[in-house]
């Protein structure tokens, strides 16, 4: 296309020069008019070239933005899958390990197998809804998550101050309770959520009296993803050992209007 424009410009210039020479011989046009014409033509060419460059730059920027958006969306989906799968698989592994020692107690074995089955069904449900976890209404799901973790052998106390629901609260609690099952199994665990007017405060902690299970190890990706997610929302996130044993995860999540 650029070569076509140059060829057109050369042909038009040659034609104009021939016409200008003929008019000059006839005394109807002077060199000044020819010069003015080329000044105007050159200005229009520069403006057009600038507009073309801007349009190409905008197209390139939009293409890079779309690629970055797709990459970010794939990363978000991967994190959601990581959170859901890791939590439920960890709970099922812990329940299955406990069931191995209950063969002499059929009633307790049946209860343990029922808990594993329930955890598996919940995992399927969560995976089906992983793409719409950003919808509100996770208050009931948070309580269901706590109850499921209790069935996996983790004594969890849930305290909710105020009312509300937020997907990030659910995700913070899910990752923290997964770590509790892995690294402080059986230890008293507290989940406190305060729903304020301007922010939601979340705190999950264990006391260090439990044991580390043989469940699948983690890469820290879940906590890293939560820190980035909460930071993107303008909040604060921290996770680490607690003085006296155990660990604590805290998050402050701004409330959006």
Protein backbone atom coordinates (compact mmCIF):
# COMPACT_ATOMS: atom_id res chain seq x y z
CA UNK A 1 0.00 0.00 0.00
CA UNK A 2 2.85 2.39 0.81
CA UNK A 3 4.48 1.61 -2.58
CA UNK A 4 1.14 2.33 -4.29
CA UNK A 5 0.89 5.71 -2.55
CA UNK A 6 4.43 6.63 -3.65
CA UNK A 7 3.73 5.64 -7.25
CA UNK A 8 0.54 7.71 -7.22
CA UNK A 9 2.40 10.73 -5.78
CA UNK A 10 5.15 10.46 -8.42
CA UNK A 11 2.62 10.17 -11.26
CA UNK A 12 0.56 13.10 -9.92
CA UNK A 13 3.72 15.24 -9.53
CA UNK A 14 4.86 14.48 -13.07
CA UNK A 15 1.44 15.36 -14.44
CA UNK A 16 1.26 18.58 -12.44
CA UNK A 17 4.76 19.67 -13.52
CA UNK A 18 3.85 19.09 -17.17
CA UNK A 19 0.66 21.13 -16.71
CA UNK A 20 2.51 23.87 -14.81
CA UNK A 21 5.16 24.11 -17.58
CA UNK A 22 2.47 24.47 -20.21
CA UNK A 23 0.65 27.15 -18.18
CA UNK A 24 3.94 28.96 -17.50
CA UNK A 25 4.69 29.15 -21.22
CA UNK A 26 1.23 30.58 -21.71
CA UNK A 27 1.91 33.16 -18.98
CA UNK A 28 -0.99 31.95 -16.79
CA UNK A 29 1.02 30.66 -13.83
CA UNK A 30 4.30 31.53 -12.17
CA UNK A 31 6.93 29.67 -10.12
CA UNK A 32 5.43 31.05 -6.88
CA UNK A 33 2.15 29.25 -7.45
CA UNK A 34 3.97 25.99 -8.09
CA UNK A 35 5.97 26.44 -4.88
CA UNK A 36 2.81 27.21 -2.88
CA UNK A 37 1.13 24.13 -4.27
CA UNK A 38 3.99 21.90 -3.13
CA UNK A 39 4.10 23.51 0.31
CA UNK A 40 0.39 22.78 0.77
CA UNK A 41 0.77 19.29 -0.71
CA UNK A 42 3.77 18.54 1.54
CA UNK A 43 1.90 19.75 4.63
CA UNK A 44 -1.05 17.52 3.79
CA UNK A 45 1.32 14.60 3.25
CA UNK A 46 2.99 15.13 6.64
CA UNK A 47 -0.38 15.38 8.40
CA UNK A 48 -1.62 12.25 6.66
CA UNK A 49 1.54 10.33 7.51
CA UNK A 50 1.17 11.39 11.15
CA UNK A 51 -2.46 10.24 11.24
CA UNK A 52 -1.47 6.89 9.70
CA UNK A 53 1.28 6.42 12.29
CA UNK A 54 -1.12 7.25 15.11
CA UNK A 55 -3.70 4.83 13.76
CA UNK A 56 -1.14 2.05 13.43
CA UNK A 57 0.17 2.77 16.93
CA UNK A 58 -3.39 2.64 18.29
CA UNK A 59 -4.04 -0.68 16.54
CA UNK A 60 -0.76 -2.08 17.90
CA UNK A 61 -1.57 -0.81 21.42
CA UNK A 62 -5.04 -2.35 21.25
CA UNK A 63 -3.57 -5.66 20.07
CA UNK A 64 -1.07 -5.71 22.95
CA UNK A 65 -3.81 -4.73 25.42
CA UNK A 66 -6.04 -7.55 24.21
CA UNK A 67 -3.14 -10.02 24.52
CA UNK A 68 -2.36 -8.79 28.04
CA UNK A 69 -6.03 -9.07 28.99
CA UNK A 70 -6.19 -12.65 27.72
CA UNK A 71 -3.03 -13.52 29.64
CA UNK A 72 -4.39 -11.93 32.82
CA UNK A 73 -7.67 -13.80 32.43
CA UNK A 74 -5.86 -17.12 31.95
CA UNK A 75 -3.79 -16.37 35.06
CA UNK A 76 -6.92 -15.52 37.05
CA UNK A 77 -8.66 -18.72 35.96
CA UNK A 78 -5.53 -20.75 36.83
CA UNK A 79 -5.50 -19.21 40.30
CA UNK A 80 -9.19 -19.91 40.82
CA UNK A 81 -8.66 -23.53 39.78
CA UNK A 82 -5.62 -23.77 42.04
CA UNK A 83 -7.59 -22.48 45.03
CA UNK A 84 -10.56 -24.76 44.48
CA UNK A 85 -8.65 -27.92 43.60
CA UNK A 86 -5.95 -27.55 46.27
CA UNK A 87 -8.42 -27.00 49.08
CA UNK A 88 -10.74 -29.88 48.21
CA UNK A 89 -7.99 -32.34 47.32
CA UNK A 90 -6.18 -31.53 50.57
CA UNK A 91 -9.37 -32.13 52.56
CA UNK A 92 -10.02 -35.42 50.75
CA UNK A 93 -6.45 -36.64 51.32
CA UNK A 94 -6.66 -35.83 55.02
CA UNK A 95 -10.03 -37.60 55.29
CA UNK A 96 -8.76 -40.63 53.38
CA UNK A 97 -5.66 -40.89 55.60
CA UNK A 98 -7.88 -40.85 58.67
CA UNK A 99 -10.25 -43.47 57.19
CA UNK A 100 -7.37 -45.97 56.87
CA UNK A 101 -7.34 -46.36 60.66
CA UNK A 102 -11.09 -46.81 61.06
CA UNK A 103 -11.54 -50.30 59.61
CA UNK A 104 -12.30 -51.62 63.10
CA UNK A 105 -15.03 -49.00 63.62
CA UNK A 106 -17.50 -49.42 60.75
CA UNK A 107 -19.78 -46.59 61.86
CA UNK A 108 -16.91 -44.11 61.99
CA UNK A 109 -15.51 -45.45 58.72
CA UNK A 110 -18.87 -44.92 57.04
CA UNK A 111 -18.93 -41.35 58.38
CA UNK A 112 -15.41 -40.69 57.11
CA UNK A 113 -16.20 -42.08 53.65
CA UNK A 114 -19.35 -39.97 53.58
CA UNK A 115 -17.26 -36.89 54.34
CA UNK A 116 -14.89 -37.74 51.47
CA UNK A 117 -17.83 -38.18 49.14
CA UNK A 118 -19.31 -34.87 50.27
CA UNK A 119 -16.00 -33.11 49.74
CA UNK A 120 -15.77 -34.56 46.23
CA UNK A 121 -19.26 -33.36 45.36
CA UNK A 122 -18.43 -29.91 46.71
CA UNK A 123 -15.26 -29.87 44.59
CA UNK A 124 -17.31 -30.63 41.48
CA UNK A 125 -19.77 -27.86 42.37
CA UNK A 126 -16.98 -25.34 42.93
CA UNK A 127 -15.28 -26.27 39.67
CA UNK A 128 -18.54 -25.80 37.80
CA UNK A 129 -18.86 -22.33 39.26
CA UNK A 130 -15.21 -21.31 39.08
CA UNK A 131 -15.87 -18.86 36.24
CA UNK A 132 -18.55 -16.94 38.12
CA UNK A 133 -16.92 -16.81 41.55
CA UNK A 134 -16.80 -13.03 41.17
CA UNK A 135 -20.54 -12.82 41.66
CA UNK A 136 -21.70 -11.67 45.12
CA UNK A 137 -23.39 -13.96 47.61
CA UNK A 138 -20.55 -15.97 49.12
CA UNK A 139 -21.67 -15.59 52.73
CA UNK A 140 -23.37 -18.99 52.75
CA UNK A 141 -20.46 -20.52 50.86
CA UNK A 142 -18.04 -19.27 53.52
CA UNK A 143 -20.01 -21.06 56.23
CA UNK A 144 -20.16 -24.19 54.05
CA UNK A 145 -16.38 -23.98 53.59
CA UNK A 146 -15.86 -23.78 57.35
CA UNK A 147 -18.19 -26.73 57.94
CA UNK A 148 -16.39 -28.80 55.31
CA UNK A 149 -13.03 -28.02 56.95
CA UNK A 150 -14.43 -29.12 60.31
CA UNK A 151 -15.47 -32.44 58.77
CA UNK A 152 -11.86 -32.86 57.59
CA UNK A 153 -10.76 -32.80 61.24
CA UNK A 154 -9.97 -29.11 61.74
CA UNK A 155 -11.78 -27.46 64.69
CA UNK A 156 -12.72 -24.11 63.17
CA UNK A 157 -14.51 -21.27 64.93
CA UNK A 158 -16.19 -18.76 62.61
CA UNK A 159 -17.03 -15.26 63.85
CA UNK A 160 -18.77 -12.86 61.48
CA UNK A 161 -19.29 -9.28 62.61
CA UNK A 162 -21.83 -7.42 60.53
CA UNK A 163 -23.23 -8.82 57.32
CA UNK A 164 -22.10 -9.00 53.75
CA UNK A 165 -20.45 -11.21 51.17
CA UNK A 166 -17.31 -10.88 49.09
CA UNK A 167 -15.57 -13.38 46.84
CA UNK A 168 -12.11 -12.31 48.02
CA UNK A 169 -13.08 -13.07 51.64
CA UNK A 170 -14.03 -16.57 50.55
CA UNK A 171 -10.77 -17.01 48.66
CA UNK A 172 -8.63 -15.77 51.58
CA UNK A 173 -10.43 -18.13 53.96
CA UNK A 174 -10.17 -21.02 51.50
CA UNK A 175 -6.40 -20.68 51.07
CA UNK A 176 -5.77 -20.14 54.79
CA UNK A 177 -7.88 -23.16 55.79
CA UNK A 178 -6.10 -25.27 53.18
CA UNK A 179 -2.78 -24.35 54.81
CA UNK A 180 -4.25 -25.12 58.24
CA UNK A 181 -5.19 -28.61 57.06
CA UNK A 182 -1.73 -29.15 55.61
CA UNK A 183 0.58 -27.71 58.23
CA UNK A 184 -1.38 -27.44 61.50
CA UNK A 185 -3.92 -30.23 61.19
CA UNK A 186 -6.14 -30.63 64.22
CA UNK A 187 -5.18 -27.30 65.77
CA UNK A 188 -7.94 -24.92 66.91
CA UNK A 189 -8.46 -22.47 64.07
CA UNK A 190 -10.28 -19.17 64.12
CA UNK A 191 -11.85 -17.33 61.21
CA UNK A 192 -12.96 -13.78 61.98
CA UNK A 193 -14.62 -11.55 59.41
CA UNK A 194 -15.65 -7.97 60.15
CA UNK A 195 -17.83 -6.34 57.50
CA UNK A 196 -17.32 -2.58 57.81
CA UNK A 197 -18.68 0.33 55.79
CA UNK A 198 -15.41 1.06 54.00
CA UNK A 199 -13.55 -2.26 54.24
CA UNK A 200 -13.78 -5.91 55.23
CA UNK A 201 -11.26 -7.20 57.76
CA UNK A 202 -10.38 -10.92 57.65
CA UNK A 203 -8.20 -12.87 60.09
CA UNK A 204 -7.54 -16.61 60.06
CA UNK A 205 -5.14 -18.18 62.56
CA UNK A 206 -4.08 -21.47 64.16
CA UNK A 207 -2.26 -21.98 67.45
CA UNK A 208 0.46 -24.39 66.30
CA UNK A 209 -0.74 -27.37 68.33
CA UNK A 210 -1.56 -29.53 65.31
CA UNK A 211 0.54 -31.69 63.04
CA UNK A 212 1.76 -31.54 59.47
CA UNK A 213 -0.13 -33.97 57.24
CA UNK A 214 1.11 -36.03 54.29
CA UNK A 215 -1.11 -34.00 51.97
CA UNK A 216 0.19 -32.56 48.70
CA UNK A 217 2.68 -29.76 49.16
CA UNK A 218 2.08 -26.25 47.93
CA UNK A 219 4.18 -23.84 45.95
CA UNK A 220 2.99 -20.70 47.70
CA UNK A 221 1.22 -19.70 44.52
CA UNK A 222 -2.11 -19.39 46.32
CA UNK A 223 -0.85 -16.90 48.91
CA UNK A 224 1.07 -14.99 46.26
CA UNK A 225 -2.01 -14.77 44.10
CA UNK A 226 -4.11 -13.56 47.05
CA UNK A 227 -1.55 -10.90 47.93
CA UNK A 228 -1.61 -9.63 44.35
CA UNK A 229 -5.40 -9.77 44.16
CA UNK A 230 -5.96 -7.92 47.42
CA UNK A 231 -3.28 -5.39 46.45
CA UNK A 232 -5.00 -4.79 43.12
CA UNK A 233 -8.19 -3.97 45.03
CA UNK A 234 -6.27 -1.40 47.09
CA UNK A 235 -6.20 -3.54 50.24
CA UNK A 236 -3.58 -5.10 52.51
CA UNK A 237 -2.61 -8.76 52.90
CA UNK A 238 -0.18 -10.58 55.15
CA UNK A 239 0.55 -14.21 55.94
CA UNK A 240 3.16 -15.77 58.18
CA UNK A 241 4.06 -17.48 61.46
CA UNK A 242 2.27 -16.36 64.59
CA UNK A 243 4.08 -15.51 67.81
CA UNK A 244 3.79 -18.56 70.04
CA UNK A 245 3.21 -21.00 67.18
CA UNK A 246 0.86 -21.53 64.31
CA UNK A 247 0.29 -19.03 61.56
CA UNK A 248 -1.96 -16.08 60.83
CA UNK A 249 -3.40 -14.67 57.62
CA UNK A 250 -4.93 -11.19 57.59
CA UNK A 251 -6.51 -9.15 54.84
CA UNK A 252 -8.18 -5.77 54.57
CA UNK A 253 -10.41 -5.57 51.51
CA UNK A 254 -11.88 -2.19 50.52
CA UNK A 255 -15.63 -2.12 49.97
CA UNK A 256 -16.50 -0.91 46.49
CA UNK A 257 -19.66 1.10 45.93
